Amino acid sequence: MSAAYISNWQTECPSLTVWGADDSRAFVQHPAQAPYYTDERKMFLIQSGIIRELADAAPTIFVGRCADYVLREYKYHLKVWIHANEDSRALRLYDTYFIRTGSLSQKLKAVDQGRMAYYRWFTGKEWGKFADLSLDSGTLGIEGCSAAIVRSAQELLSHKETEERNAD
């Protein structure tokens, strides 16, 4: 697979002719056990394994990649949804990628549709509906969101440590 294919992969919906999102066994099988998987399915399985390995090794932050779904059986993980209104998102898109005003709304819709399709395809769930913490970056800003996430993660780890002490 080329680097360009991998970098653009998450926003494109995989072929809908091979698998349905309700095939839960596909999330636990190793790609070598199923050579008939699409490249997208194989990549998702590899990516999911890496997410689990990293989560097992140390506290880790994952952005996207259906990590909330991949880690759904982990008792201590914080699911964060960061959102903003279209104007705030368009301004950030312009500031970051220098995309001209005329195409901002179309670009935002295309990115959102791709993310929704990707999430629904691999999880069978609705994108953005399963967060423990929902933050508006248009209101709080990036630094405010970061601070809220850090505080929430510290609380979660403190709760975990308390439960582990009480279990001993």
Protein backbone atom coordinates (compact mmCIF):
# COMPACT_ATOMS: atom_id res chain seq x y z
CA MET A 1 0.00 0.00 0.00
CA SER A 2 1.31 3.45 -0.83
CA ALA A 3 1.86 6.20 1.75
CA ALA A 4 -0.78 8.34 0.01
CA TYR A 5 -3.33 5.53 0.23
CA ILE A 6 -2.69 5.09 3.96
CA SER A 7 -2.81 8.81 4.73
CA ASN A 8 -6.16 9.26 2.95
CA TRP A 9 -7.66 5.97 4.04
CA GLN A 10 -9.58 6.98 7.17
CA THR A 11 -11.86 9.47 5.42
CA GLU A 12 -12.91 7.13 2.63
CA CYS A 13 -15.63 4.56 3.10
CA PRO A 14 -14.39 1.04 2.37
CA SER A 15 -16.08 -1.02 -0.30
CA LEU A 16 -19.57 -1.87 0.84
CA THR A 17 -19.69 -5.06 -1.20
CA VAL A 18 -17.53 -7.24 1.05
CA TRP A 19 -18.49 -6.84 4.71
CA GLY A 20 -21.33 -5.47 6.77
CA ALA A 21 -20.66 -3.62 10.01
CA ASP A 22 -22.60 -6.29 11.93
CA ASP A 23 -19.83 -8.89 11.42
CA SER A 24 -18.42 -8.63 14.94
CA ARG A 25 -16.00 -11.55 14.51
CA ALA A 26 -14.08 -9.51 11.97
CA PHE A 27 -12.81 -7.32 14.79
CA VAL A 28 -11.10 -10.16 16.65
CA GLN A 29 -9.69 -12.26 13.82
CA HIS A 30 -6.14 -11.76 12.66
CA PRO A 31 -5.85 -10.64 9.01
CA ALA A 32 -3.80 -13.73 8.14
CA GLN A 33 -6.76 -15.89 9.17
CA ALA A 34 -8.96 -14.21 6.59
CA PRO A 35 -7.12 -13.53 3.33
CA TYR A 36 -10.39 -12.49 1.70
CA TYR A 37 -10.63 -9.31 3.78
CA THR A 38 -10.42 -6.05 1.92
CA ASP A 39 -7.26 -3.98 2.37
CA GLU A 40 -9.33 -1.59 4.48
CA ARG A 41 -10.48 -4.38 6.80
CA LYS A 42 -6.94 -5.71 7.14
CA MET A 43 -5.64 -2.25 7.94
CA PHE A 44 -8.37 -1.73 10.54
CA LEU A 45 -7.54 -5.03 12.23
CA ILE A 46 -3.82 -4.24 12.32
CA GLN A 47 -4.55 -0.73 13.58
CA SER A 48 -6.89 -2.11 16.27
CA GLY A 49 -4.19 -4.49 17.47
CA ILE A 50 -1.70 -1.65 17.73
CA ILE A 51 -4.21 0.49 19.66
CA ARG A 52 -4.77 -2.35 22.17
CA GLU A 53 -1.02 -3.00 22.53
CA LEU A 54 -0.34 0.67 23.24
CA ALA A 55 -3.29 0.93 25.65
CA ASP A 56 -2.05 -2.16 27.52
CA ALA A 57 1.46 -0.73 27.82
CA ALA A 58 0.72 2.74 29.22
CA PRO A 59 -1.86 5.54 29.40
CA THR A 60 -2.22 6.69 25.82
CA ILE A 61 -4.22 9.18 23.78
CA PHE A 62 -5.74 8.11 20.47
CA VAL A 63 -7.34 10.50 18.02
CA GLY A 64 -9.96 8.86 15.84
CA ARG A 65 -9.33 5.40 14.41
CA CYS A 66 -12.48 4.10 16.17
CA ALA A 67 -10.35 3.79 19.32
CA ASP A 68 -13.42 4.18 21.54
CA TYR A 69 -14.89 1.10 19.88
CA VAL A 70 -11.63 -0.84 19.81
CA LEU A 71 -11.19 -0.24 23.56
CA ARG A 72 -14.87 -0.71 24.45
CA GLU A 73 -14.11 -3.63 26.78
CA TYR A 74 -11.46 -1.71 28.71
CA LYS A 75 -12.88 -0.52 32.00
CA TYR A 76 -10.70 2.58 32.27
CA HIS A 77 -10.74 4.57 29.10
CA LEU A 78 -12.00 8.07 28.54
CA LYS A 79 -13.99 8.71 25.38
CA VAL A 80 -13.82 12.37 24.33
CA TRP A 81 -15.82 14.06 21.58
CA ILE A 82 -14.46 17.43 20.45
CA HIS A 83 -16.78 19.46 18.27
CA ALA A 84 -17.35 23.04 17.16
CA ASN A 85 -19.82 24.99 15.09
CA GLU A 86 -19.20 25.34 11.36
CA ASP A 87 -17.77 28.87 11.60
CA SER A 88 -15.19 27.86 14.22
CA ARG A 89 -14.25 24.76 12.26
CA ALA A 90 -13.98 26.72 9.00
CA LEU A 91 -11.69 29.28 10.64
CA ARG A 92 -9.45 26.54 12.05
CA LEU A 93 -9.41 24.78 8.68
CA TYR A 94 -8.43 28.03 6.97
CA ASP A 95 -5.74 28.82 9.58
CA THR A 96 -4.29 25.30 9.42
CA TYR A 97 -4.58 24.37 5.74
CA PHE A 98 -5.05 27.78 4.03
CA ILE A 99 -8.11 26.54 2.16
CA ARG A 100 -9.98 29.41 0.50
CA THR A 101 -13.33 30.48 1.90
CA GLY A 102 -15.40 29.19 -1.05
CA SER A 103 -14.51 25.55 -0.46
CA LEU A 104 -14.49 25.44 3.35
CA SER A 105 -18.10 24.35 3.83
CA GLN A 106 -17.78 21.66 1.17
CA LYS A 107 -14.49 20.44 2.66
CA LEU A 108 -16.01 20.23 6.17
CA LYS A 109 -19.02 18.29 4.90
CA ALA A 110 -16.83 15.90 2.92
CA VAL A 111 -14.55 15.25 5.90
CA ASP A 112 -17.51 14.72 8.24
CA GLN A 113 -19.22 12.37 5.78
CA GLY A 114 -16.03 10.37 5.40
CA ARG A 115 -15.51 10.12 9.15
CA MET A 116 -19.14 9.14 9.69
CA ALA A 117 -18.98 6.45 7.01
CA TYR A 118 -15.66 5.13 8.32
CA TYR A 119 -16.93 4.93 11.91
CA ARG A 120 -20.26 3.38 10.97
CA TRP A 121 -18.62 0.88 8.62
CA PHE A 122 -16.17 -0.49 11.19
CA THR A 123 -18.30 -0.20 14.34
CA GLY A 124 -21.93 -0.35 13.25
CA LYS A 125 -22.44 2.66 15.54
CA GLU A 126 -23.25 6.32 15.02
CA TRP A 127 -20.19 8.59 14.96
CA GLY A 128 -19.87 10.97 17.92
CA LYS A 129 -22.61 9.52 20.12
CA PHE A 130 -20.61 7.56 22.67
CA ALA A 131 -18.47 10.07 24.57
CA ASP A 132 -17.86 10.37 28.30
CA LEU A 133 -16.79 13.96 27.77
CA SER A 134 -18.04 16.30 25.04
CA LEU A 135 -16.13 19.55 24.48
CA ASP A 136 -16.82 22.52 22.21
CA SER A 137 -13.45 23.69 20.89
CA GLY A 138 -15.11 26.77 19.40
CA THR A 139 -16.05 27.87 22.91
CA LEU A 140 -13.19 26.44 24.99
CA GLY A 141 -10.39 26.68 22.43
CA ILE A 142 -7.71 24.06 21.96
CA GLU A 143 -5.98 24.85 25.26
CA GLY A 144 -9.27 24.72 27.18
CA CYS A 145 -10.15 21.36 25.65
CA SER A 146 -6.67 20.04 26.41
CA ALA A 147 -6.94 21.15 30.04
CA ALA A 148 -10.37 19.54 30.43
CA ILE A 149 -9.11 16.28 28.96
CA VAL A 150 -6.07 16.25 31.25
CA ARG A 151 -8.24 16.91 34.33
CA SER A 152 -10.71 14.21 33.33
CA ALA A 153 -7.94 11.69 32.63
CA GLN A 154 -6.36 12.45 36.01
CA GLU A 155 -9.72 11.85 37.71
CA LEU A 156 -10.17 8.57 35.84
CA LEU A 157 -6.68 7.37 36.83
CA SER A 158 -7.29 8.44 40.43
CA HIS A 159 -10.56 6.49 40.43
CA LYS A 160 -8.77 3.45 39.01
CA GLU A 161 -6.03 3.63 41.65
CA THR A 162 -8.63 3.94 44.44
CA GLU A 163 -10.52 0.91 43.15
CA GLU A 164 -7.30 -1.10 42.90
CA ARG A 165 -6.28 -0.16 46.47
CA ASN A 166 -9.71 -1.08 47.79
CA ALA A 167 -9.59 -4.42 45.98
CA ASP A 168 -6.37 -5.41 47.80
